Amino acid sequence: MDQTGDLLLETPVDGGLTTGAVARLLGVAPTTLRSWDRRYGIGPAARQDGRHRRWTGADIAALRNMCALTSAGLPPAEAARTVLAGASAAGTSSTGPSGTGPSRAEKPGAGASGVPAEPRSARASRAPGPLPVGRALQECRGLARAAARLDAPALDELLTALLDRYGLPAAWDEVMMPVLHAVGRKWETAGERYIEVEHLLSWHVSGALRGVTAGRTPAPGAGLALLACVPGETHTLALEALAATLAQQGLSVRMYGADVPARALEDAVRRTGPAAVVLWAQSRRTANPTLVARLDALEWGVRGARRRPVVCVAGPGWAGRQPPGARHLSGLSDAVDTLATL
């Protein structure tokens, strides 16, 4: 992802952004922004009522430079000196051609960065559901920047805010999964020089998903769903998102994780008697129709009242090769809807 490109900004009526809004925008922890302001003078030019920080477009541009320099390995103090020196040299460029009027970025009707402010109706609400237009891109870039800086505290804060504001399905579909895919593509092109970013991001996404359901108990009589990656498959995050969403809805879940041997899956089905089994395959190489047939044939219970699980397959590995007797789950929402009816 481009870490220096222009972003869509949700600009308040008074023309400045709060510290929390800037933190979400840039993927920096609010405590980090306050520390940069206090220690190095990389802070807002104006404060509402003398106390509350309001960050202008110029302030945010300085922060972007600060983030870029620290991401490149420069110590914060040295990065701040470089940013402040650049801002001082460019001080006259913020005025109009005569040196006295506003620049184009400060024209009435534009946001603090020169980008038109989002309509009020498009701004985010705390109700779960699809993210407003422009907001998903903003949240994705903030999360990607925090991952690229290996900023663990910022990742935790951003992921918690995402889940709290938008709910799990929307946060996963529109922000977490796109960023994970982008980081994965970056790793493929950059080699092991970028793998630490992917590992850190995956770890914190996994922790955020587990935190959503901490302490929750399934509703009485809820059917059991057994979730597992097929043998040889190590990608678990999509299944973790499904497990967390099902648990949120009061359903009972057994999550077995990565690379589960076929015999272990069969034993787990016999011992727990699930209503449904979900098998995740990320690649065609790991998708195993024979395993699906073996699980679909399993029975348990007393003679005359035997039961069998509904076997579901999920993940890109099953595309175009759905095994007979299995249900294909096309995404998180489809999976939740299907499993909730079983």
C-alpha atoms as a PDB file:
ATOM      1  CA  MET A   1       0.000   0.000   0.000  1.00  0.00           C
ATOM      2  CA  ASP A   2       1.114   3.561  -0.731  1.00  0.00           C
ATOM      3  CA  GLN A   3       2.161   5.029   2.599  1.00  0.00           C
ATOM      4  CA  THR A   4       2.459   8.599   1.324  1.00  0.00           C
ATOM      5  CA  GLY A   5      -0.529   9.001  -1.007  1.00  0.00           C
ATOM      6  CA  ASP A   6      -3.417  11.357  -0.389  1.00  0.00           C
ATOM      7  CA  LEU A   7      -6.209  10.077   1.808  1.00  0.00           C
ATOM      8  CA  LEU A   8      -9.875  10.855   2.090  1.00  0.00           C
ATOM      9  CA  LEU A   9     -10.295  12.838   5.304  1.00  0.00           C
ATOM     10  CA  GLU A  10     -13.375  13.260   7.431  1.00  0.00           C
ATOM     11  CA  THR A  11     -12.926  16.927   8.310  1.00  0.00           C
ATOM     12  CA  PRO A  12     -14.843  18.528  11.200  1.00  0.00           C
ATOM     13  CA  VAL A  13     -16.767  21.715  10.631  1.00  0.00           C
ATOM     14  CA  ASP A  14     -14.074  23.825  12.334  1.00  0.00           C
ATOM     15  CA  GLY A  15     -11.445  22.700   9.801  1.00  0.00           C
ATOM     16  CA  GLY A  16      -9.272  20.582  12.093  1.00  0.00           C
ATOM     17  CA  LEU A  17      -9.060  16.918  13.023  1.00  0.00           C
ATOM     18  CA  THR A  18      -9.019  15.564  16.544  1.00  0.00           C
ATOM     19  CA  THR A  19      -6.082  13.503  17.761  1.00  0.00           C
ATOM     20  CA  GLY A  20      -8.190  10.347  17.644  1.00  0.00           C
ATOM     21  CA  ALA A  21      -9.192  10.987  14.031  1.00  0.00           C
ATOM     22  CA  VAL A  22      -5.578  11.599  13.007  1.00  0.00           C
ATOM     23  CA  ALA A  23      -4.475   8.449  14.833  1.00  0.00           C
ATOM     24  CA  ARG A  24      -6.995   6.371  12.857  1.00  0.00           C
ATOM     25  CA  LEU A  25      -6.000   8.083   9.643  1.00  0.00           C
ATOM     26  CA  LEU A  26      -2.258   7.512   9.947  1.00  0.00           C
ATOM     27  CA  GLY A  27      -2.222   4.309  11.987  1.00  0.00           C
ATOM     28  CA  VAL A  28      -0.396   5.896  14.907  1.00  0.00           C
ATOM     29  CA  ALA A  29      -1.341   5.454  18.544  1.00  0.00           C
ATOM     30  CA  PRO A  30      -2.799   8.653  20.089  1.00  0.00           C
ATOM     31  CA  THR A  31      -0.221   8.379  22.859  1.00  0.00           C
ATOM     32  CA  THR A  32       2.530   8.468  20.218  1.00  0.00           C
ATOM     33  CA  LEU A  33       1.101  11.651  18.691  1.00  0.00           C
ATOM     34  CA  ARG A  34       0.955  13.321  22.088  1.00  0.00           C
ATOM     35  CA  SER A  35       4.518  12.211  22.823  1.00  0.00           C
ATOM     36  CA  TRP A  36       5.806  13.650  19.525  1.00  0.00           C
ATOM     37  CA  ASP A  37       4.041  16.919  20.307  1.00  0.00           C
ATOM     38  CA  ARG A  38       5.384  17.143  23.863  1.00  0.00           C
ATOM     39  CA  ARG A  39       8.957  15.992  23.167  1.00  0.00           C
ATOM     40  CA  TYR A  40       9.740  17.242  19.674  1.00  0.00           C
ATOM     41  CA  GLY A  41       7.197  19.922  18.813  1.00  0.00           C
ATOM     42  CA  ILE A  42       5.554  17.857  16.056  1.00  0.00           C
ATOM     43  CA  GLY A  43       2.079  18.950  17.059  1.00  0.00           C
ATOM     44  CA  PRO A  44      -0.990  20.939  16.022  1.00  0.00           C
ATOM     45  CA  ALA A  45      -0.597  24.613  15.275  1.00  0.00           C
ATOM     46  CA  ALA A  46      -3.910  25.452  16.961  1.00  0.00           C
ATOM     47  CA  ARG A  47      -5.799  24.192  19.987  1.00  0.00           C
ATOM     48  CA  GLN A  48      -9.502  24.599  20.532  1.00  0.00           C
ATOM     49  CA  ASP A  49     -10.184  26.550  23.733  1.00  0.00           C
ATOM     50  CA  GLY A  50      -6.424  26.478  24.316  1.00  0.00           C
ATOM     51  CA  ARG A  51      -6.482  22.781  25.249  1.00  0.00           C
ATOM     52  CA  HIS A  52      -8.005  20.417  22.674  1.00  0.00           C
ATOM     53  CA  ARG A  53      -5.727  19.599  19.783  1.00  0.00           C
ATOM     54  CA  ARG A  54      -6.986  20.299  16.252  1.00  0.00           C
ATOM     55  CA  TRP A  55      -4.700  19.105  13.472  1.00  0.00           C
ATOM     56  CA  THR A  56      -4.680  21.036  10.203  1.00  0.00           C
ATOM     57  CA  GLY A  57      -3.646  19.790   6.782  1.00  0.00           C
ATOM     58  CA  ALA A  58      -0.122  21.161   7.293  1.00  0.00           C
ATOM     59  CA  ASP A  59       0.102  19.426  10.685  1.00  0.00           C
ATOM     60  CA  ILE A  60      -0.960  16.111   9.136  1.00  0.00           C
ATOM     61  CA  ALA A  61       1.572  16.521   6.318  1.00  0.00           C
ATOM     62  CA  ALA A  62       4.307  16.929   8.943  1.00  0.00           C
ATOM     63  CA  LEU A  63       3.067  13.808  10.723  1.00  0.00           C
ATOM     64  CA  ARG A  64       3.152  11.826   7.473  1.00  0.00           C
ATOM     65  CA  ASN A  65       6.794  12.852   7.002  1.00  0.00           C
ATOM     66  CA  MET A  66       7.527  11.897  10.609  1.00  0.00           C
ATOM     67  CA  CYS A  67       5.942   8.470  10.091  1.00  0.00           C
ATOM     68  CA  ALA A  68       7.870   7.901   6.852  1.00  0.00           C
ATOM     69  CA  LEU A  69      11.209   8.801   8.441  1.00  0.00           C
ATOM     70  CA  THR A  70      10.709   6.687  11.566  1.00  0.00           C
ATOM     71  CA  SER A  71       9.489   3.766   9.412  1.00  0.00           C
ATOM     72  CA  ALA A  72      12.788   4.048   7.503  1.00  0.00           C
ATOM     73  CA  GLY A  73      14.687   3.585  10.778  1.00  0.00           C
ATOM     74  CA  LEU A  74      15.495   7.189  11.711  1.00  0.00           C
ATOM     75  CA  PRO A  75      15.361   7.883  15.496  1.00  0.00           C
ATOM     76  CA  PRO A  76      12.308  10.004  16.426  1.00  0.00           C
ATOM     77  CA  ALA A  77      14.391  12.976  17.608  1.00  0.00           C
ATOM     78  CA  GLU A  78      16.373  13.116  14.362  1.00  0.00           C
ATOM     79  CA  ALA A  79      13.237  12.586  12.285  1.00  0.00           C
ATOM     80  CA  ALA A  80      11.548  15.471  14.099  1.00  0.00           C
ATOM     81  CA  ARG A  81      14.488  17.801  13.417  1.00  0.00           C
ATOM     82  CA  THR A  82      14.310  16.908   9.726  1.00  0.00           C
ATOM     83  CA  VAL A  83      10.550  17.487   9.564  1.00  0.00           C
ATOM     84  CA  LEU A  84      10.709  20.805  11.394  1.00  0.00           C
ATOM     85  CA  ALA A  85      13.583  22.012   9.231  1.00  0.00           C
ATOM     86  CA  GLY A  86      11.609  21.174   6.096  1.00  0.00           C
ATOM     87  CA  ALA A  87       8.502  22.910   7.416  1.00  0.00           C
ATOM     88  CA  SER A  88      10.507  26.034   8.232  1.00  0.00           C
ATOM     89  CA  ALA A  89      12.041  26.150   4.750  1.00  0.00           C
ATOM     90  CA  ALA A  90       8.621  25.778   3.130  1.00  0.00           C
ATOM     91  CA  GLY A  91       6.895  28.284   5.427  1.00  0.00           C
ATOM     92  CA  THR A  92       6.043  30.774   2.688  1.00  0.00           C
ATOM     93  CA  SER A  93       4.529  28.132   0.421  1.00  0.00           C
ATOM     94  CA  SER A  94       1.373  27.997   2.540  1.00  0.00           C
ATOM     95  CA  THR A  95       0.260  31.414   1.335  1.00  0.00           C
ATOM     96  CA  GLY A  96      -1.241  32.434  -1.973  1.00  0.00           C
ATOM     97  CA  PRO A  97       0.620  33.980  -4.927  1.00  0.00           C
ATOM     98  CA  SER A  98       0.777  37.363  -3.193  1.00  0.00           C
ATOM     99  CA  GLY A  99       2.114  35.871   0.026  1.00  0.00           C
ATOM    100  CA  THR A 100      -0.928  37.062   1.990  1.00  0.00           C
ATOM    101  CA  GLY A 101      -3.927  35.051   0.864  1.00  0.00           C
ATOM    102  CA  PRO A 102      -4.940  31.465   1.539  1.00  0.00           C
ATOM    103  CA  SER A 103      -3.480  28.666  -0.541  1.00  0.00           C
ATOM    104  CA  ARG A 104      -5.608  26.456  -2.773  1.00  0.00           C
ATOM    105  CA  ALA A 105      -5.741  23.794  -0.042  1.00  0.00           C
ATOM    106  CA  GLU A 106      -7.475  26.293   2.250  1.00  0.00           C
ATOM    107  CA  LYS A 107     -10.261  27.327  -0.099  1.00  0.00           C
ATOM    108  CA  PRO A 108     -13.721  27.422   1.493  1.00  0.00           C
ATOM    109  CA  GLY A 109     -15.535  24.111   1.198  1.00  0.00           C
ATOM    110  CA  ALA A 110     -12.350  22.040   1.246  1.00  0.00           C
ATOM    111  CA  GLY A 111     -11.084  19.946   4.091  1.00  0.00           C
ATOM    112  CA  ALA A 112      -7.898  20.543   6.007  1.00  0.00           C
ATOM    113  CA  SER A 113      -5.889  18.685   3.368  1.00  0.00           C
ATOM    114  CA  GLY A 114      -7.527  20.330   0.382  1.00  0.00           C
ATOM    115  CA  VAL A 115      -9.775  17.299  -0.111  1.00  0.00           C
ATOM    116  CA  PRO A 116     -13.502  18.110   0.053  1.00  0.00           C
ATOM    117  CA  ALA A 117     -14.950  17.114   3.377  1.00  0.00           C
ATOM    118  CA  GLU A 118     -17.110  13.999   3.448  1.00  0.00           C
ATOM    119  CA  PRO A 119     -20.843  14.684   3.537  1.00  0.00           C
ATOM    120  CA  ARG A 120     -22.163  14.385   7.063  1.00  0.00           C
ATOM    121  CA  SER A 121     -24.439  11.520   5.992  1.00  0.00           C
ATOM    122  CA  ALA A 122     -21.400   9.476   4.885  1.00  0.00           C
ATOM    123  CA  ARG A 123     -19.633   9.597   8.225  1.00  0.00           C
ATOM    124  CA  ALA A 124     -19.196   6.501  10.293  1.00  0.00           C
ATOM    125  CA  SER A 125     -21.610   5.450  12.995  1.00  0.00           C
ATOM    126  CA  ARG A 126     -21.203   2.877  15.717  1.00  0.00           C
ATOM    127  CA  ALA A 127     -23.972   0.703  14.295  1.00  0.00           C
ATOM    128  CA  PRO A 128     -22.570  -2.525  12.778  1.00  0.00           C
ATOM    129  CA  GLY A 129     -22.783  -2.704   9.014  1.00  0.00           C
ATOM    130  CA  PRO A 130     -20.936  -1.684   5.852  1.00  0.00           C
ATOM    131  CA  LEU A 131     -18.439   1.118   6.257  1.00  0.00           C
ATOM    132  CA  PRO A 132     -19.354   4.475   4.694  1.00  0.00           C
ATOM    133  CA  VAL A 133     -17.849   5.358   1.327  1.00  0.00           C
ATOM    134  CA  GLY A 134     -14.227   6.435   1.758  1.00  0.00           C
ATOM    135  CA  ARG A 135     -14.008   5.274   5.361  1.00  0.00           C
ATOM    136  CA  ALA A 136     -12.910   1.713   4.515  1.00  0.00           C
ATOM    137  CA  LEU A 137      -9.980   3.018   2.457  1.00  0.00           C
ATOM    138  CA  GLN A 138      -8.970   5.357   5.265  1.00  0.00           C
ATOM    139  CA  GLU A 139      -9.105   2.610   7.900  1.00  0.00           C
ATOM    140  CA  CYS A 140      -7.180   0.205   5.632  1.00  0.00           C
ATOM    141  CA  ARG A 141      -4.376   2.685   5.105  1.00  0.00           C
ATOM    142  CA  GLY A 142      -4.126   3.478   8.796  1.00  0.00           C
ATOM    143  CA  LEU A 143      -3.895  -0.211   9.698  1.00  0.00           C
ATOM    144  CA  ALA A 144      -1.368  -0.903   6.926  1.00  0.00           C
ATOM    145  CA  ARG A 145       0.847   1.996   8.021  1.00  0.00           C
ATOM    146  CA  ALA A 146       0.872   0.795  11.627  1.00  0.00           C
ATOM    147  CA  ALA A 147       1.841  -2.706  10.449  1.00  0.00           C
ATOM    148  CA  ALA A 148       4.609  -1.362   8.198  1.00  0.00           C
ATOM    149  CA  ARG A 149       6.072   0.547  11.182  1.00  0.00           C
ATOM    150  CA  LEU A 150       5.820  -2.591  13.338  1.00  0.00           C
ATOM    151  CA  ASP A 151       3.858  -0.444  15.803  1.00  0.00           C
ATOM    152  CA  ALA A 152       2.212  -3.060  18.015  1.00  0.00           C
ATOM    153  CA  PRO A 153       0.395  -0.631  20.386  1.00  0.00           C
ATOM    154  CA  ALA A 154      -1.109   1.222  17.426  1.00  0.00           C
ATOM    155  CA  LEU A 155      -2.272  -2.058  15.854  1.00  0.00           C
ATOM    156  CA  ASP A 156      -4.073  -3.024  19.064  1.00  0.00           C
ATOM    157  CA  GLU A 157      -5.747   0.384  19.374  1.00  0.00           C
ATOM    158  CA  LEU A 158      -6.818   0.479  15.725  1.00  0.00           C
ATOM    159  CA  LEU A 159      -8.184  -3.066  15.701  1.00  0.00           C
ATOM    160  CA  THR A 160     -10.112  -2.530  18.933  1.00  0.00           C
ATOM    161  CA  ALA A 161     -11.612   0.689  17.576  1.00  0.00           C
ATOM    162  CA  LEU A 162     -12.544  -1.022  14.296  1.00  0.00           C
ATOM    163  CA  LEU A 163     -14.417  -3.845  16.010  1.00  0.00           C
ATOM    164  CA  ASP A 164     -16.111  -1.493  18.453  1.00  0.00           C
ATOM    165  CA  ARG A 165     -17.256   0.959  15.788  1.00  0.00           C
ATOM    166  CA  TYR A 166     -18.265  -1.291  12.891  1.00  0.00           C
ATOM    167  CA  GLY A 167     -18.818  -4.767  14.322  1.00  0.00           C
ATOM    168  CA  LEU A 168     -16.906  -7.900  13.433  1.00  0.00           C
ATOM    169  CA  PRO A 169     -18.280  -8.864   9.986  1.00  0.00           C
ATOM    170  CA  ALA A 170     -17.836  -5.385   8.474  1.00  0.00           C
ATOM    171  CA  ALA A 171     -14.442  -4.838  10.122  1.00  0.00           C
ATOM    172  CA  TRP A 172     -13.212  -8.190   8.808  1.00  0.00           C
ATOM    173  CA  ASP A 173     -14.634  -7.985   5.277  1.00  0.00           C
ATOM    174  CA  GLU A 174     -13.805  -4.350   4.561  1.00  0.00           C
ATOM    175  CA  VAL A 175     -10.630  -3.630   6.513  1.00  0.00           C
ATOM    176  CA  MET A 176      -8.800  -6.568   8.116  1.00  0.00           C
ATOM    177  CA  MET A 177      -8.988  -8.980   5.186  1.00  0.00           C
ATOM    178  CA  PRO A 178      -8.061  -6.407   2.490  1.00  0.00           C
ATOM    179  CA  VAL A 179      -5.043  -5.265   4.524  1.00  0.00           C
ATOM    180  CA  LEU A 180      -3.941  -8.851   5.175  1.00  0.00           C
ATOM    181  CA  HIS A 181      -4.179  -9.591   1.445  1.00  0.00           C
ATOM    182  CA  ALA A 182      -2.217  -6.439   0.587  1.00  0.00           C
ATOM    183  CA  VAL A 183       0.505  -7.300   3.094  1.00  0.00           C
ATOM    184  CA  GLY A 184       0.643 -10.843   1.707  1.00  0.00           C
ATOM    185  CA  ARG A 185       1.103  -9.527  -1.828  1.00  0.00           C
ATOM    186  CA  LYS A 186       3.835  -7.203  -0.597  1.00  0.00           C
ATOM    187  CA  TRP A 187       5.619 -10.111   1.049  1.00  0.00           C
ATOM    188  CA  GLU A 188       5.434 -12.118  -2.185  1.00  0.00           C
ATOM    189  CA  THR A 189       7.180  -9.333  -4.101  1.00  0.00           C
ATOM    190  CA  ALA A 190       9.598  -8.196  -1.389  1.00  0.00           C
ATOM    191  CA  GLY A 191      10.582 -11.601  -0.037  1.00  0.00           C
ATOM    192  CA  GLU A 192      11.620 -12.120   3.553  1.00  0.00           C
ATOM    193  CA  ARG A 193      12.298  -8.392   3.955  1.00  0.00           C
ATOM    194  CA  TYR A 194       8.556  -7.910   4.586  1.00  0.00           C
ATOM    195  CA  ILE A 195       7.552 -11.117   6.320  1.00  0.00           C
ATOM    196  CA  GLU A 196       7.938  -9.576   9.790  1.00  0.00           C
ATOM    197  CA  VAL A 197       5.125  -7.151   8.910  1.00  0.00           C
ATOM    198  CA  GLU A 198       2.795  -9.975   7.875  1.00  0.00           C
ATOM    199  CA  HIS A 199       3.545 -12.002  11.002  1.00  0.00           C
ATOM    200  CA  LEU A 200       3.023  -9.082  13.383  1.00  0.00           C
ATOM    201  CA  LEU A 201      -0.230  -8.014  11.724  1.00  0.00           C
ATOM    202  CA  SER A 202      -1.573 -11.577  11.700  1.00  0.00           C
ATOM    203  CA  TRP A 203      -0.752 -12.029  15.378  1.00  0.00           C
ATOM    204  CA  HIS A 204      -2.559  -8.857  16.420  1.00  0.00           C
ATOM    205  CA  VAL A 205      -5.595  -9.559  14.210  1.00  0.00           C
ATOM    206  CA  SER A 206      -5.818 -13.011  15.764  1.00  0.00           C
ATOM    207  CA  GLY A 207      -5.648 -11.545  19.265  1.00  0.00           C
ATOM    208  CA  ALA A 208      -8.326  -8.971  18.469  1.00  0.00           C
ATOM    209  CA  LEU A 209     -10.655 -11.666  17.141  1.00  0.00           C
ATOM    210  CA  ARG A 210     -10.198 -13.811  20.242  1.00  0.00           C
ATOM    211  CA  GLY A 211     -10.817 -10.807  22.448  1.00  0.00           C
ATOM    212  CA  VAL A 212     -14.231 -10.245  20.885  1.00  0.00           C
ATOM    213  CA  THR A 213     -15.602 -13.464  22.355  1.00  0.00           C
ATOM    214  CA  ALA A 214     -13.684 -13.649  25.625  1.00  0.00           C
ATOM    215  CA  GLY A 215     -15.988 -14.863  28.383  1.00  0.00           C
ATOM    216  CA  ARG A 216     -18.976 -15.527  26.114  1.00  0.00           C
ATOM    217  CA  THR A 217     -20.989 -18.702  26.630  1.00  0.00           C
ATOM    218  CA  PRO A 218     -23.175 -20.317  23.943  1.00  0.00           C
ATOM    219  CA  ALA A 219     -26.946 -20.121  24.165  1.00  0.00           C
ATOM    220  CA  PRO A 220     -28.698 -23.194  25.631  1.00  0.00           C
ATOM    221  CA  GLY A 221     -29.365 -25.797  22.951  1.00  0.00           C
ATOM    222  CA  ALA A 222     -27.146 -24.149  20.367  1.00  0.00           C
ATOM    223  CA  GLY A 223     -25.818 -26.518  17.717  1.00  0.00           C
ATOM    224  CA  LEU A 224     -22.091 -27.177  17.581  1.00  0.00           C
ATOM    225  CA  ALA A 225     -19.902 -26.130  14.638  1.00  0.00           C
ATOM    226  CA  LEU A 226     -16.482 -27.736  14.264  1.00  0.00           C
ATOM    227  CA  LEU A 227     -13.982 -25.548  12.380  1.00  0.00           C
ATOM    228  CA  ALA A 228     -10.632 -26.781  11.078  1.00  0.00           C
ATOM    229  CA  CYS A 229      -8.046 -26.277   8.385  1.00  0.00           C
ATOM    230  CA  VAL A 230      -7.510 -29.316   6.173  1.00  0.00           C
ATOM    231  CA  PRO A 231      -4.231 -31.241   6.483  1.00  0.00           C
ATOM    232  CA  GLY A 232      -1.318 -29.180   5.164  1.00  0.00           C
ATOM    233  CA  GLU A 233      -3.202 -25.867   5.502  1.00  0.00           C
ATOM    234  CA  THR A 234      -1.814 -23.274   7.923  1.00  0.00           C
ATOM    235  CA  HIS A 235      -3.947 -20.179   7.183  1.00  0.00           C
ATOM    236  CA  THR A 236      -6.358 -19.838  10.099  1.00  0.00           C
ATOM    237  CA  LEU A 237      -7.411 -16.175  10.338  1.00  0.00           C
ATOM    238  CA  ALA A 238     -10.558 -16.487   8.212  1.00  0.00           C
ATOM    239  CA  LEU A 239     -11.704 -19.401  10.363  1.00  0.00           C
ATOM    240  CA  GLU A 240     -10.908 -17.385  13.484  1.00  0.00           C
ATOM    241  CA  ALA A 241     -13.128 -14.585  12.180  1.00  0.00           C
ATOM    242  CA  LEU A 242     -15.917 -17.115  11.562  1.00  0.00           C
ATOM    243  CA  ALA A 243     -15.479 -18.662  15.010  1.00  0.00           C
ATOM    244  CA  ALA A 244     -15.659 -15.249  16.687  1.00  0.00           C
ATOM    245  CA  THR A 245     -18.761 -14.209  14.730  1.00  0.00           C
ATOM    246  CA  LEU A 246     -20.583 -17.468  15.508  1.00  0.00           C
ATOM    247  CA  ALA A 247     -19.699 -17.174  19.202  1.00  0.00           C
ATOM    248  CA  GLN A 248     -20.996 -13.597  19.216  1.00  0.00           C
ATOM    249  CA  GLN A 249     -24.355 -14.955  18.019  1.00  0.00           C
ATOM    250  CA  GLY A 250     -24.503 -17.475  20.845  1.00  0.00           C
ATOM    251  CA  LEU A 251     -23.573 -20.541  18.786  1.00  0.00           C
ATOM    252  CA  SER A 252     -21.264 -23.253  20.085  1.00  0.00           C
ATOM    253  CA  VAL A 253     -17.902 -23.535  18.305  1.00  0.00           C
ATOM    254  CA  ARG A 254     -14.899 -25.855  18.431  1.00  0.00           C
ATOM    255  CA  MET A 255     -11.920 -24.295  16.662  1.00  0.00           C
ATOM    256  CA  TYR A 256      -9.132 -26.777  15.864  1.00  0.00           C
ATOM    257  CA  GLY A 257      -6.869 -24.452  13.904  1.00  0.00           C
ATOM    258  CA  ALA A 258      -4.189 -25.235  11.341  1.00  0.00           C
ATOM    259  CA  ASP A 259      -3.118 -28.445   9.626  1.00  0.00           C
ATOM    260  CA  VAL A 260      -5.428 -30.897  11.428  1.00  0.00           C
ATOM    261  CA  PRO A 261      -4.715 -34.539  10.488  1.00  0.00           C
ATOM    262  CA  ALA A 262      -7.582 -36.438   8.863  1.00  0.00           C
ATOM    263  CA  ARG A 263      -7.740 -39.065  11.617  1.00  0.00           C
ATOM    264  CA  ALA A 264      -7.873 -36.364  14.304  1.00  0.00           C
ATOM    265  CA  LEU A 265     -10.776 -34.668  12.501  1.00  0.00           C
ATOM    266  CA  GLU A 266     -12.681 -37.940  12.350  1.00  0.00           C
ATOM    267  CA  ASP A 267     -12.106 -38.574  16.052  1.00  0.00           C
ATOM    268  CA  ALA A 268     -13.212 -35.033  16.918  1.00  0.00           C
ATOM    269  CA  VAL A 269     -16.443 -35.453  14.942  1.00  0.00           C
ATOM    270  CA  ARG A 270     -17.260 -38.763  16.637  1.00  0.00           C
ATOM    271  CA  ARG A 271     -16.526 -37.398  20.109  1.00  0.00           C
ATOM    272  CA  THR A 272     -18.386 -34.070  19.819  1.00  0.00           C
ATOM    273  CA  GLY A 273     -21.236 -34.854  17.398  1.00  0.00           C
ATOM    274  CA  PRO A 274     -21.283 -31.464  15.624  1.00  0.00           C
ATOM    275  CA  ALA A 275     -24.192 -30.205  13.584  1.00  0.00           C
ATOM    276  CA  ALA A 276     -21.714 -28.891  11.020  1.00  0.00           C
ATOM    277  CA  VAL A 277     -18.063 -29.230  10.069  1.00  0.00           C
ATOM    278  CA  VAL A 278     -16.285 -26.414   8.202  1.00  0.00           C
ATOM    279  CA  LEU A 279     -13.075 -27.281   6.333  1.00  0.00           C
ATOM    280  CA  TRP A 280     -10.875 -24.387   5.231  1.00  0.00           C
ATOM    281  CA  ALA A 281      -8.463 -24.647   2.282  1.00  0.00           C
ATOM    282  CA  GLN A 282      -6.462 -21.642   1.145  1.00  0.00           C
ATOM    283  CA  SER A 283      -5.024 -23.324  -1.963  1.00  0.00           C
ATOM    284  CA  ARG A 284      -6.090 -25.992  -4.444  1.00  0.00           C
ATOM    285  CA  ARG A 285      -3.128 -28.042  -3.327  1.00  0.00           C
ATOM    286  CA  THR A 286      -4.559 -28.535   0.163  1.00  0.00           C
ATOM    287  CA  ALA A 287      -8.249 -28.876  -0.792  1.00  0.00           C
ATOM    288  CA  ASN A 288      -9.017 -32.558  -0.188  1.00  0.00           C
ATOM    289  CA  PRO A 289     -12.328 -33.959  -1.546  1.00  0.00           C
ATOM    290  CA  THR A 290     -11.535 -37.404  -0.132  1.00  0.00           C
ATOM    291  CA  LEU A 291     -11.505 -36.012   3.408  1.00  0.00           C
ATOM    292  CA  VAL A 292     -14.884 -34.368   2.786  1.00  0.00           C
ATOM    293  CA  ALA A 293     -16.350 -37.705   1.716  1.00  0.00           C
ATOM    294  CA  ARG A 294     -14.934 -39.465   4.788  1.00  0.00           C
ATOM    295  CA  LEU A 295     -16.404 -36.913   7.190  1.00  0.00           C
ATOM    296  CA  ASP A 296     -19.719 -36.833   5.347  1.00  0.00           C
ATOM    297  CA  ALA A 297     -20.042 -40.603   5.844  1.00  0.00           C
ATOM    298  CA  LEU A 298     -19.450 -40.518   9.602  1.00  0.00           C
ATOM    299  CA  GLU A 299     -22.367 -41.433  11.885  1.00  0.00           C
ATOM    300  CA  TRP A 300     -22.835 -41.435  15.631  1.00  0.00           C
ATOM    301  CA  GLY A 301     -25.598 -42.053  18.144  1.00  0.00           C
ATOM    302  CA  VAL A 302     -27.707 -45.050  19.115  1.00  0.00           C
ATOM    303  CA  ARG A 303     -29.000 -47.493  16.524  1.00  0.00           C
ATOM    304  CA  GLY A 304     -32.124 -46.156  14.845  1.00  0.00           C
ATOM    305  CA  ALA A 305     -31.310 -42.536  15.705  1.00  0.00           C
ATOM    306  CA  ARG A 306     -27.953 -41.997  14.124  1.00  0.00           C
ATOM    307  CA  ARG A 307     -26.829 -38.541  13.006  1.00  0.00           C
ATOM    308  CA  ARG A 308     -24.355 -37.198  10.488  1.00  0.00           C
ATOM    309  CA  PRO A 309     -22.704 -33.784  10.256  1.00  0.00           C
ATOM    310  CA  VAL A 310     -23.344 -31.264   7.515  1.00  0.00           C
ATOM    311  CA  VAL A 311     -19.931 -30.823   5.891  1.00  0.00           C
ATOM    312  CA  CYS A 312     -19.137 -27.339   4.565  1.00  0.00           C
ATOM    313  CA  VAL A 313     -16.089 -26.180   2.617  1.00  0.00           C
ATOM    314  CA  ALA A 314     -14.690 -22.654   2.651  1.00  0.00           C
ATOM    315  CA  GLY A 315     -11.709 -20.808   1.251  1.00  0.00           C
ATOM    316  CA  PRO A 316     -10.300 -20.127  -2.217  1.00  0.00           C
ATOM    317  CA  GLY A 317      -8.849 -23.615  -2.471  1.00  0.00           C
ATOM    318  CA  TRP A 318     -12.306 -25.048  -3.120  1.00  0.00           C
ATOM    319  CA  ALA A 319     -13.173 -22.669  -5.971  1.00  0.00           C
ATOM    320  CA  GLY A 320     -14.478 -24.626  -8.936  1.00  0.00           C
ATOM    321  CA  ARG A 321     -14.146 -28.014  -7.232  1.00  0.00           C
ATOM    322  CA  GLN A 322     -16.954 -28.339  -4.689  1.00  0.00           C
ATOM    323  CA  PRO A 323     -17.037 -31.955  -3.466  1.00  0.00           C
ATOM    324  CA  PRO A 324     -20.335 -33.879  -3.741  1.00  0.00           C
ATOM    325  CA  GLY A 325     -22.482 -33.596  -0.630  1.00  0.00           C
ATOM    326  CA  ALA A 326     -20.678 -30.544   0.749  1.00  0.00           C
ATOM    327  CA  ARG A 327     -22.007 -27.013   1.104  1.00  0.00           C
ATOM    328  CA  HIS A 328     -19.798 -24.225  -0.172  1.00  0.00           C
ATOM    329  CA  LEU A 329     -19.539 -21.131   2.044  1.00  0.00           C
ATOM    330  CA  SER A 330     -18.732 -18.124  -0.121  1.00  0.00           C
ATOM    331  CA  GLY A 331     -17.817 -15.627   2.601  1.00  0.00           C
ATOM    332  CA  LEU A 332     -18.172 -14.699   6.252  1.00  0.00           C
ATOM    333  CA  SER A 333     -21.773 -13.493   6.046  1.00  0.00           C
ATOM    334  CA  ASP A 334     -22.850 -16.510   3.986  1.00  0.00           C
ATOM    335  CA  ALA A 335     -21.098 -18.866   6.405  1.00  0.00           C
ATOM    336  CA  VAL A 336     -22.760 -17.324   9.445  1.00  0.00           C
ATOM    337  CA  ASP A 337     -26.204 -17.401   7.822  1.00  0.00           C
ATOM    338  CA  THR A 338     -25.799 -21.020   6.720  1.00  0.00           C
ATOM    339  CA  LEU A 339     -24.448 -22.342  10.012  1.00  0.00           C
ATOM    340  CA  ALA A 340     -27.030 -20.465  12.080  1.00  0.00           C
ATOM    341  CA  THR A 341     -29.801 -22.433  10.354  1.00  0.00           C
ATOM    342  CA  LEU A 342     -28.301 -25.853  11.101  1.00  0.00           C
END
